[in-house]
């Protein structure tokens, strides 16, 4: 899976980019998902999704507000 990670001077990942749909790799197309990270050390409460709530990135984008087929 194609990915790039940018690390800061302390070795913390500050930006991670991943090819969002490896199934399109054979066609020469790439759709990258990029996340930027900051505020390390702040307490958070995260509830991971249940297995039946996990979808492929392209499905999540299709359902996102503002997308061509989203709400």
PDB file of N, CA and C in Angstrom:
ATOM      1  N   UNK A   1       0.846  -1.166   0.000  1.00  0.00           N
ATOM      2  CA  UNK A   1       0.000   0.000   0.000  1.00  0.00           C
ATOM      3  C   UNK A   1       0.896   1.235   0.000  1.00  0.00           C
ATOM      4  N   UNK A   2       0.807   2.089  -1.010  1.00  0.00           N
ATOM      5  CA  UNK A   2       1.639   3.290  -1.053  1.00  0.00           C
ATOM      6  C   UNK A   2       1.311   4.233   0.099  1.00  0.00           C
ATOM      7  N   UNK A   3       2.351   4.715   0.764  1.00  0.00           N
ATOM      8  CA  UNK A   3       2.163   5.643   1.882  1.00  0.00           C
ATOM      9  C   UNK A   3       3.404   6.514   2.027  1.00  0.00           C
ATOM     10  N   UNK A   4       3.198   7.691   2.611  1.00  0.00           N
ATOM     11  CA  UNK A   4       4.294   8.578   2.959  1.00  0.00           C
ATOM     12  C   UNK A   4       4.041   9.076   4.376  1.00  0.00           C
ATOM     13  N   UNK A   5       5.122   9.196   5.155  1.00  0.00           N
ATOM     14  CA  UNK A   5       5.016   9.693   6.523  1.00  0.00           C
ATOM     15  C   UNK A   5       6.051  10.791   6.711  1.00  0.00           C
ATOM     16  N   UNK A   6       5.612  11.936   7.229  1.00  0.00           N
ATOM     17  CA  UNK A   6       6.518  13.032   7.552  1.00  0.00           C
ATOM     18  C   UNK A   6       6.713  13.030   9.061  1.00  0.00           C
ATOM     19  N   UNK A   7       7.967  12.964   9.501  1.00  0.00           N
ATOM     20  CA  UNK A   7       8.297  12.952  10.925  1.00  0.00           C
ATOM     21  C   UNK A   7       8.889  14.290  11.331  1.00  0.00           C
ATOM     22  N   UNK A   8       8.629  14.692  12.599  1.00  0.00           N
ATOM     23  CA  UNK A   8       9.252  15.911  13.095  1.00  0.00           C
ATOM     24  C   UNK A   8      10.592  15.565  13.739  1.00  0.00           C
ATOM     25  N   UNK A   9      11.260  16.552  14.321  1.00  0.00           N
ATOM     26  CA  UNK A   9      12.589  16.353  14.910  1.00  0.00           C
ATOM     27  C   UNK A   9      12.579  15.351  16.057  1.00  0.00           C
ATOM     28  N   UNK A  10      11.413  15.176  16.718  1.00  0.00           N
ATOM     29  CA  UNK A  10      11.295  14.211  17.818  1.00  0.00           C
ATOM     30  C   UNK A  10      10.890  12.823  17.334  1.00  0.00           C
ATOM     31  N   UNK A  11      10.723  12.647  16.026  1.00  0.00           N
ATOM     32  CA  UNK A  11      10.343  11.347  15.482  1.00  0.00           C
ATOM     33  C   UNK A  11       8.849  11.081  15.514  1.00  0.00           C
ATOM     34  N   UNK A  12       8.041  12.127  15.815  1.00  0.00           N
ATOM     35  CA  UNK A  12       6.590  11.959  15.831  1.00  0.00           C
ATOM     36  C   UNK A  12       6.034  12.156  14.426  1.00  0.00           C
ATOM     37  N   UNK A  13       5.076  11.330  14.069  1.00  0.00           N
ATOM     38  CA  UNK A  13       4.436  11.459  12.757  1.00  0.00           C
ATOM     39  C   UNK A  13       3.582  12.715  12.761  1.00  0.00           C
ATOM     40  N   UNK A  14       3.869  13.644  11.855  1.00  0.00           N
ATOM     41  CA  UNK A  14       3.114  14.896  11.754  1.00  0.00           C
ATOM     42  C   UNK A  14       2.141  14.875  10.584  1.00  0.00           C
ATOM     43  N   UNK A  15       2.457  14.121   9.548  1.00  0.00           N
ATOM     44  CA  UNK A  15       1.562  13.984   8.398  1.00  0.00           C
ATOM     45  C   UNK A  15       1.725  12.576   7.850  1.00  0.00           C
ATOM     46  N   UNK A  16       0.591  11.951   7.543  1.00  0.00           N
ATOM     47  CA  UNK A  16       0.593  10.606   6.968  1.00  0.00           C
ATOM     48  C   UNK A  16      -0.300  10.647   5.733  1.00  0.00           C
ATOM     49  N   UNK A  17       0.217  10.182   4.627  1.00  0.00           N
ATOM     50  CA  UNK A  17      -0.553  10.109   3.377  1.00  0.00           C
ATOM     51  C   UNK A  17      -0.581   8.656   2.928  1.00  0.00           C
ATOM     52  N   UNK A  18      -1.778   8.168   2.605  1.00  0.00           N
ATOM     53  CA  UNK A  18      -1.968   6.776   2.196  1.00  0.00           C
ATOM     54  C   UNK A  18      -2.823   6.751   0.941  1.00  0.00           C
ATOM     55  N   UNK A  19      -2.457   5.898  -0.008  1.00  0.00           N
ATOM     56  CA  UNK A  19      -3.280   5.714  -1.197  1.00  0.00           C
ATOM     57  C   UNK A  19      -4.614   5.158  -0.722  1.00  0.00           C
ATOM     58  N   UNK A  20      -5.673   5.948  -0.886  1.00  0.00           N
ATOM     59  CA  UNK A  20      -6.969   5.618  -0.311  1.00  0.00           C
ATOM     60  C   UNK A  20      -7.650   4.423  -0.952  1.00  0.00           C
ATOM     61  N   UNK A  21      -7.261   4.076  -2.160  1.00  0.00           N
ATOM     62  CA  UNK A  21      -7.939   2.978  -2.834  1.00  0.00           C
ATOM     63  C   UNK A  21      -6.940   2.153  -3.627  1.00  0.00           C
ATOM     64  N   UNK A  22      -6.256   1.217  -2.955  1.00  0.00           N
ATOM     65  CA  UNK A  22      -5.244   0.436  -3.663  1.00  0.00           C
ATOM     66  C   UNK A  22      -5.796  -0.374  -4.828  1.00  0.00           C
ATOM     67  N   UNK A  23      -7.109  -0.549  -4.915  1.00  0.00           N
ATOM     68  CA  UNK A  23      -7.687  -1.297  -6.030  1.00  0.00           C
ATOM     69  C   UNK A  23      -7.535  -0.557  -7.348  1.00  0.00           C
ATOM     70  N   UNK A  24      -7.350   0.780  -7.298  1.00  0.00           N
ATOM     71  CA  UNK A  24      -7.187   1.545  -8.536  1.00  0.00           C
ATOM     72  C   UNK A  24      -5.729   1.619  -8.967  1.00  0.00           C
ATOM     73  N   UNK A  25      -4.820   1.054  -8.212  1.00  0.00           N
ATOM     74  CA  UNK A  25      -3.396   1.153  -8.530  1.00  0.00           C
ATOM     75  C   UNK A  25      -3.081   0.595  -9.910  1.00  0.00           C
ATOM     76  N   UNK A  26      -3.779  -0.442 -10.316  1.00  0.00           N
ATOM     77  CA  UNK A  26      -3.516  -1.044 -11.625  1.00  0.00           C
ATOM     78  C   UNK A  26      -3.866  -0.107 -12.782  1.00  0.00           C
ATOM     79  N   UNK A  27      -4.750   0.865 -12.547  1.00  0.00           N
ATOM     80  CA  UNK A  27      -5.158   1.785 -13.609  1.00  0.00           C
ATOM     81  C   UNK A  27      -4.246   3.008 -13.691  1.00  0.00           C
ATOM     82  N   UNK A  28      -3.288   3.110 -12.777  1.00  0.00           N
ATOM     83  CA  UNK A  28      -2.391   4.264 -12.765  1.00  0.00           C
ATOM     84  C   UNK A  28      -2.952   5.438 -11.990  1.00  0.00           C
ATOM     85  N   UNK A  29      -4.163   5.332 -11.489  1.00  0.00           N
ATOM     86  CA  UNK A  29      -4.772   6.398 -10.697  1.00  0.00           C
ATOM     87  C   UNK A  29      -4.429   6.207  -9.234  1.00  0.00           C
ATOM     88  N   UNK A  30      -4.276   7.310  -8.530  1.00  0.00           N
ATOM     89  CA  UNK A  30      -4.082   7.246  -7.086  1.00  0.00           C
ATOM     90  C   UNK A  30      -4.940   8.319  -6.437  1.00  0.00           C
ATOM     91  N   UNK A  31      -5.592   7.953  -5.363  1.00  0.00           N
ATOM     92  CA  UNK A  31      -6.370   8.879  -4.559  1.00  0.00           C
ATOM     93  C   UNK A  31      -5.790   8.834  -3.157  1.00  0.00           C
ATOM     94  N   UNK A  32      -5.125   9.910  -2.772  1.00  0.00           N
ATOM     95  CA  UNK A  32      -4.435   9.932  -1.484  1.00  0.00           C
ATOM     96  C   UNK A  32      -5.336  10.494  -0.391  1.00  0.00           C
ATOM     97  N   UNK A  33      -5.266   9.870   0.775  1.00  0.00           N
ATOM     98  CA  UNK A  33      -5.884  10.391   1.981  1.00  0.00           C
ATOM     99  C   UNK A  33      -4.749  10.898   2.854  1.00  0.00           C
ATOM    100  N   UNK A  34      -4.870  12.137   3.313  1.00  0.00           N
ATOM    101  CA  UNK A  34      -3.813  12.754   4.110  1.00  0.00           C
ATOM    102  C   UNK A  34      -4.380  13.165   5.458  1.00  0.00           C
ATOM    103  N   UNK A  35      -3.650  12.845   6.522  1.00  0.00           N
ATOM    104  CA  UNK A  35      -4.030  13.283   7.859  1.00  0.00           C
ATOM    105  C   UNK A  35      -2.832  14.010   8.467  1.00  0.00           C
ATOM    106  N   UNK A  36      -3.109  15.130   9.127  1.00  0.00           N
ATOM    107  CA  UNK A  36      -2.068  15.876   9.821  1.00  0.00           C
ATOM    108  C   UNK A  36      -2.326  15.758  11.314  1.00  0.00           C
ATOM    109  N   UNK A  37      -1.253  15.585  12.077  1.00  0.00           N
ATOM    110  CA  UNK A  37      -1.354  15.332  13.508  1.00  0.00           C
ATOM    111  C   UNK A  37      -0.663  16.439  14.300  1.00  0.00           C
ATOM    112  N   UNK A  38      -1.275  16.833  15.413  1.00  0.00           N
ATOM    113  CA  UNK A  38      -0.681  17.822  16.304  1.00  0.00           C
ATOM    114  C   UNK A  38      -1.311  17.652  17.680  1.00  0.00           C
ATOM    115  N   UNK A  39      -0.955  18.491  18.620  1.00  0.00           N
ATOM    116  CA  UNK A  39      -1.459  18.445  19.998  1.00  0.00           C
ATOM    117  C   UNK A  39      -1.191  17.086  20.666  1.00  0.00           C
ATOM    118  N   UNK A  40       0.018  16.564  20.484  1.00  0.00           N
ATOM    119  CA  UNK A  40       0.381  15.308  21.124  1.00  0.00           C
ATOM    120  C   UNK A  40       0.339  15.475  22.634  1.00  0.00           C
ATOM    121  N   UNK A  41      -0.144  14.459  23.337  1.00  0.00           N
ATOM    122  CA  UNK A  41      -0.178  14.471  24.795  1.00  0.00           C
ATOM    123  C   UNK A  41      -1.493  14.937  25.387  1.00  0.00           C
ATOM    124  N   UNK A  42      -2.452  15.339  24.554  1.00  0.00           N
ATOM    125  CA  UNK A  42      -3.753  15.772  25.045  1.00  0.00           C
ATOM    126  C   UNK A  42      -4.641  14.535  25.183  1.00  0.00           C
ATOM    127  N   UNK A  43      -5.283  14.416  26.349  1.00  0.00           N
ATOM    128  CA  UNK A  43      -6.152  13.264  26.598  1.00  0.00           C
ATOM    129  C   UNK A  43      -7.393  13.331  25.710  1.00  0.00           C
ATOM    130  N   UNK A  44      -7.770  12.203  25.127  1.00  0.00           N
ATOM    131  CA  UNK A  44      -8.971  12.107  24.302  1.00  0.00           C
ATOM    132  C   UNK A  44      -9.719  10.827  24.638  1.00  0.00           C
ATOM    133  N   UNK A  45     -10.994  10.821  24.339  1.00  0.00           N
ATOM    134  CA  UNK A  45     -11.818   9.630  24.524  1.00  0.00           C
ATOM    135  C   UNK A  45     -12.350   9.242  23.152  1.00  0.00           C
ATOM    136  N   UNK A  46     -11.857   8.137  22.604  1.00  0.00           N
ATOM    137  CA  UNK A  46     -12.221   7.706  21.263  1.00  0.00           C
ATOM    138  C   UNK A  46     -12.888   6.340  21.331  1.00  0.00           C
ATOM    139  N   UNK A  47     -14.026   6.236  20.678  1.00  0.00           N
ATOM    140  CA  UNK A  47     -14.707   4.955  20.568  1.00  0.00           C
ATOM    141  C   UNK A  47     -14.525   4.472  19.131  1.00  0.00           C
ATOM    142  N   UNK A  48     -13.779   3.392  18.925  1.00  0.00           N
ATOM    143  CA  UNK A  48     -13.582   2.906  17.549  1.00  0.00           C
ATOM    144  C   UNK A  48     -14.888   2.382  16.970  1.00  0.00           C
ATOM    145  N   UNK A  49     -15.014   2.419  15.652  1.00  0.00           N
ATOM    146  CA  UNK A  49     -16.239   1.907  15.029  1.00  0.00           C
ATOM    147  C   UNK A  49     -16.342   0.391  15.187  1.00  0.00           C
ATOM    148  N   UNK A  50     -17.580  -0.073  15.178  1.00  0.00           N
ATOM    149  CA  UNK A  50     -17.810  -1.515  15.182  1.00  0.00           C
ATOM    150  C   UNK A  50     -17.431  -2.062  13.807  1.00  0.00           C
ATOM    151  N   UNK A  51     -17.132  -3.347  13.702  1.00  0.00           N
ATOM    152  CA  UNK A  51     -16.760  -3.926  12.403  1.00  0.00           C
ATOM    153  C   UNK A  51     -17.782  -3.657  11.303  1.00  0.00           C
ATOM    154  N   UNK A  52     -19.082  -3.630  11.635  1.00  0.00           N
ATOM    155  CA  UNK A  52     -20.094  -3.388  10.609  1.00  0.00           C
ATOM    156  C   UNK A  52     -20.201  -1.910  10.216  1.00  0.00           C
ATOM    157  N   UNK A  53     -19.454  -1.029  10.897  1.00  0.00           N
ATOM    158  CA  UNK A  53     -19.441   0.394  10.570  1.00  0.00           C
ATOM    159  C   UNK A  53     -18.229   0.790   9.723  1.00  0.00           C
ATOM    160  N   UNK A  54     -17.318  -0.128   9.480  1.00  0.00           N
ATOM    161  CA  UNK A  54     -16.103   0.160   8.724  1.00  0.00           C
ATOM    162  C   UNK A  54     -16.402   0.014   7.230  1.00  0.00           C
ATOM    163  N   UNK A  55     -16.019   1.043   6.448  1.00  0.00           N
ATOM    164  CA  UNK A  55     -16.230   1.022   5.003  1.00  0.00           C
ATOM    165  C   UNK A  55     -14.931   1.382   4.302  1.00  0.00           C
ATOM    166  N   UNK A  56     -14.854   1.091   3.019  1.00  0.00           N
ATOM    167  CA  UNK A  56     -13.708   1.493   2.217  1.00  0.00           C
ATOM    168  C   UNK A  56     -13.682   3.015   2.110  1.00  0.00           C
ATOM    169  N   UNK A  57     -12.493   3.612   1.997  1.00  0.00           N
ATOM    170  CA  UNK A  57     -12.427   5.076   1.884  1.00  0.00           C
ATOM    171  C   UNK A  57     -13.307   5.641   0.772  1.00  0.00           C
ATOM    172  N   UNK A  58     -13.350   4.971  -0.389  1.00  0.00           N
ATOM    173  CA  UNK A  58     -14.150   5.516  -1.489  1.00  0.00           C
ATOM    174  C   UNK A  58     -15.630   5.548  -1.119  1.00  0.00           C
ATOM    175  N   UNK A  59     -16.102   4.596  -0.310  1.00  0.00           N
ATOM    176  CA  UNK A  59     -17.491   4.605   0.137  1.00  0.00           C
ATOM    177  C   UNK A  59     -17.739   5.750   1.109  1.00  0.00           C
ATOM    178  N   UNK A  60     -16.778   6.005   1.974  1.00  0.00           N
ATOM    179  CA  UNK A  60     -16.920   7.111   2.927  1.00  0.00           C
ATOM    180  C   UNK A  60     -16.968   8.439   2.190  1.00  0.00           C
ATOM    181  N   UNK A  61     -16.136   8.601   1.171  1.00  0.00           N
ATOM    182  CA  UNK A  61     -16.133   9.844   0.399  1.00  0.00           C
ATOM    183  C   UNK A  61     -17.445  10.029  -0.345  1.00  0.00           C
ATOM    184  N   UNK A  62     -18.012   8.954  -0.865  1.00  0.00           N
ATOM    185  CA  UNK A  62     -19.268   9.046  -1.605  1.00  0.00           C
ATOM    186  C   UNK A  62     -20.398   9.517  -0.712  1.00  0.00           C
ATOM    187  N   UNK A  63     -20.344   9.143   0.568  1.00  0.00           N
ATOM    188  CA  UNK A  63     -21.408   9.490   1.509  1.00  0.00           C
ATOM    189  C   UNK A  63     -21.155  10.803   2.224  1.00  0.00           C
ATOM    190  N   UNK A  64     -20.004  11.425   2.002  1.00  0.00           N
ATOM    191  CA  UNK A  64     -19.641  12.646   2.730  1.00  0.00           C
ATOM    192  C   UNK A  64     -20.462  13.831   2.228  1.00  0.00           C
ATOM    193  N   UNK A  65     -20.844  14.718   3.170  1.00  0.00           N
ATOM    194  CA  UNK A  65     -21.535  15.941   2.752  1.00  0.00           C
ATOM    195  C   UNK A  65     -20.657  16.733   1.778  1.00  0.00           C
ATOM    196  N   UNK A  66     -21.271  17.255   0.733  1.00  0.00           N
ATOM    197  CA  UNK A  66     -20.535  18.032  -0.244  1.00  0.00           C
ATOM    198  C   UNK A  66     -19.982  17.212  -1.392  1.00  0.00           C
ATOM    199  N   UNK A  67     -20.023  15.887  -1.293  1.00  0.00           N
ATOM    200  CA  UNK A  67     -19.566  15.058  -2.401  1.00  0.00           C
ATOM    201  C   UNK A  67     -20.660  14.989  -3.458  1.00  0.00           C
ATOM    202  N   UNK A  68     -20.303  14.565  -4.646  1.00  0.00           N
ATOM    203  CA  UNK A  68     -21.264  14.520  -5.753  1.00  0.00           C
ATOM    204  C   UNK A  68     -22.459  13.633  -5.445  1.00  0.00           C
ATOM    205  N   UNK A  69     -22.240  12.547  -4.689  1.00  0.00           N
ATOM    206  CA  UNK A  69     -23.355  11.643  -4.405  1.00  0.00           C
ATOM    207  C   UNK A  69     -23.742  11.644  -2.938  1.00  0.00           C
ATOM    208  N   UNK A  70     -23.089  12.496  -2.131  1.00  0.00           N
ATOM    209  CA  UNK A  70     -23.371  12.540  -0.697  1.00  0.00           C
ATOM    210  C   UNK A  70     -24.592  13.371  -0.366  1.00  0.00           C
ATOM    211  N   UNK A  71     -25.007  13.360   0.926  1.00  0.00           N
ATOM    212  CA  UNK A  71     -26.187  14.093   1.364  1.00  0.00           C
ATOM    213  C   UNK A  71     -26.044  15.600   1.186  1.00  0.00           C
TER     214      UNK A  71
END
